[in-house]
Protein backbone atom coordinates (compact mmCIF):
# COMPACT_ATOMS: atom_id res chain seq x y z
CA MET A 1 27.95 19.13 -25.05
CA THR A 2 30.50 17.22 -22.97
CA LYS A 3 29.71 13.56 -22.39
CA VAL A 4 29.53 12.83 -18.66
CA ASP A 5 29.85 9.34 -17.23
CA VAL A 6 26.60 8.91 -15.28
CA LYS A 7 28.28 6.38 -13.00
CA LEU A 8 30.55 9.17 -11.72
CA ILE A 9 27.89 11.82 -11.03
CA ASN A 10 27.62 12.69 -7.36
CA GLY A 11 24.61 11.55 -5.34
CA VAL A 12 23.15 15.02 -4.83
CA ALA A 13 23.11 15.73 -8.57
CA LEU A 14 21.48 12.34 -9.22
CA ALA A 15 18.89 13.13 -6.54
CA PHE A 16 18.21 16.51 -8.19
CA GLU A 17 17.31 14.66 -11.39
CA GLY A 18 15.41 11.92 -9.56
CA ASP A 19 13.28 14.41 -7.64
CA ALA A 20 12.05 15.96 -10.87
CA VAL A 21 11.46 12.62 -12.58
CA TYR A 22 9.55 11.08 -9.67
CA SER A 23 7.42 14.21 -9.24
CA MET A 24 6.55 14.18 -12.94
CA TYR A 25 5.43 10.54 -12.85
CA VAL A 26 3.38 11.08 -9.68
CA ARG A 27 1.72 14.21 -11.11
CA ARG A 28 0.86 12.41 -14.33
CA HIS A 29 -0.57 9.49 -12.34
CA LEU A 30 -2.78 11.81 -10.30
CA ILE A 31 -4.02 13.71 -13.35
CA PHE A 32 -4.88 10.44 -15.11
CA GLN A 33 -6.88 9.51 -11.99
CA GLY A 34 -9.04 12.56 -12.64
CA GLN A 35 -7.41 15.01 -10.24
CA THR A 36 -7.32 18.41 -11.92
CA LYS A 37 -7.53 21.07 -9.22
CA PRO A 38 -4.04 22.43 -8.45
CA SER A 39 -4.60 22.53 -4.68
CA GLN A 40 -5.81 18.91 -4.64
CA LEU A 41 -2.97 17.81 -6.91
CA HIS A 42 -0.36 19.37 -4.64
CA HIS A 43 -1.91 17.92 -1.49
CA LYS A 44 -2.26 14.42 -2.96
CA ALA A 45 1.23 14.48 -4.51
CA THR A 46 2.73 15.09 -1.08
CA ARG A 47 1.67 11.58 -0.01
CA TYR A 48 4.06 10.21 -2.65
CA VAL A 49 6.90 12.73 -2.85
CA SER A 50 7.50 13.85 0.74
CA ALA A 51 10.82 12.90 2.31
CA LYS A 52 8.93 10.77 4.82
CA ALA A 53 7.10 8.85 2.07
CA GLN A 54 10.29 8.35 0.05
CA ALA A 55 12.23 7.14 3.10
CA MET A 56 9.45 4.65 3.87
CA LEU A 57 9.44 3.44 0.26
CA VAL A 58 13.20 2.95 0.01
CA SER A 59 13.21 1.20 3.38
CA GLN A 60 10.64 -1.28 2.07
CA MET A 61 12.58 -1.68 -1.18
CA LEU A 62 15.69 -2.59 0.80
CA ASP A 63 13.76 -4.95 3.10
CA GLU A 64 12.32 -6.75 0.07
CA ASN A 65 15.63 -6.80 -1.84
CA LEU A 66 13.93 -4.96 -4.68
CA LEU A 67 16.99 -2.93 -5.64
CA THR A 68 19.84 -4.42 -7.62
CA GLU A 69 23.34 -4.34 -6.17
CA GLU A 70 24.18 -1.44 -8.49
CA GLU A 71 21.05 0.48 -7.39
CA GLU A 72 21.91 -0.08 -3.71
CA ILE A 73 25.35 1.41 -4.32
CA ILE A 74 23.72 4.47 -5.90
CA TYR A 75 21.23 4.67 -3.02
CA LYS A 76 24.10 4.72 -0.53
CA ARG A 77 25.96 7.32 -2.59
CA GLY A 78 22.92 9.59 -2.48
CA ARG A 79 22.16 8.87 1.17
CA ASN A 80 25.72 9.51 2.26
CA ALA A 81 26.30 12.56 0.07
CA SER A 82 27.24 15.75 1.82
CA THR A 83 24.41 18.20 1.28
CA HIS A 84 24.63 21.88 2.01
CA THR A 85 20.90 22.27 2.42
CA LYS A 86 18.90 21.78 5.58
CA ALA A 87 16.17 19.16 5.79
CA LYS A 88 12.76 20.84 5.73
CA ASN A 89 9.94 19.41 7.84
CA THR A 90 11.83 16.20 8.64
CA ASP A 91 14.81 14.77 10.49
CA ILE A 92 18.21 14.38 8.85
CA ILE A 93 18.05 10.56 8.60
CA THR A 94 14.72 10.67 6.74
CA TYR A 95 16.08 13.43 4.50
CA LYS A 96 19.21 11.46 3.65
CA MET A 97 17.21 8.31 2.91
CA SER A 98 14.93 10.26 0.57
CA THR A 99 17.99 11.75 -1.14
CA GLY A 100 19.26 8.21 -1.73
CA PHE A 101 15.85 7.20 -3.10
CA GLU A 102 15.85 10.12 -5.53
CA ALA A 103 19.45 9.36 -6.55
CA VAL A 104 18.44 5.88 -7.70
CA LEU A 105 15.62 7.27 -9.83
CA GLY A 106 17.85 9.99 -11.25
CA TYR A 107 20.54 7.43 -12.07
CA LEU A 108 18.11 5.16 -13.91
CA HIS A 109 16.65 8.10 -15.80
CA MET A 110 20.04 9.44 -16.86
CA LEU A 111 21.06 5.99 -18.10
CA GLU A 112 17.74 5.85 -20.00
CA ARG A 113 16.75 2.65 -18.21
CA HIS A 114 13.12 3.64 -18.53
CA ASP A 115 11.64 0.16 -18.09
CA ARG A 116 13.36 -0.29 -14.74
CA LEU A 117 12.59 3.29 -13.69
CA GLU A 118 8.91 2.83 -14.46
CA GLU A 119 8.86 -0.56 -12.72
CA LEU A 120 10.16 1.01 -9.50
CA ILE A 121 7.87 4.04 -9.74
CA ALA A 122 4.81 1.84 -10.36
CA TRP A 123 5.79 -0.21 -7.29
CA CYS A 124 6.10 3.00 -5.26
CA ILE A 125 2.71 4.35 -6.37
CA GLU A 126 1.08 1.03 -5.54
CA ARG A 127 2.68 0.98 -2.09
CA VAL A 128 1.63 4.53 -1.27
CA GLU A 129 -1.93 3.76 -2.33
CA MET A 130 -2.00 0.64 -0.14
CA GLU A 131 -1.23 2.78 2.94
């Protein structure tokens, strides 16, 4: 397998990874809370993983200076990436912000910075549950 420099991966590819990682952590969290019915799991997961929720979370992260300088650069790379897909159920700005959010998580996961990844995800889950 060819070694790829994670720092050079485009924002959309990082977001692709981040989407899967964030969804997995949210699903695990919900199951550990006792949610086991697929329809309930899907409905509850949407509160955390929708583009609107992710845009709100990353906006708060930026307001609170929670992201490192490096993570902000990755966020902007994901946000500003040219996507060839259309935003579903949301406006383009929200969609781009959520893509940036997912890019940060994908970046941390690919670099195996699991402690930082889990710190940010725990913060996100806590914020969503405070709403």
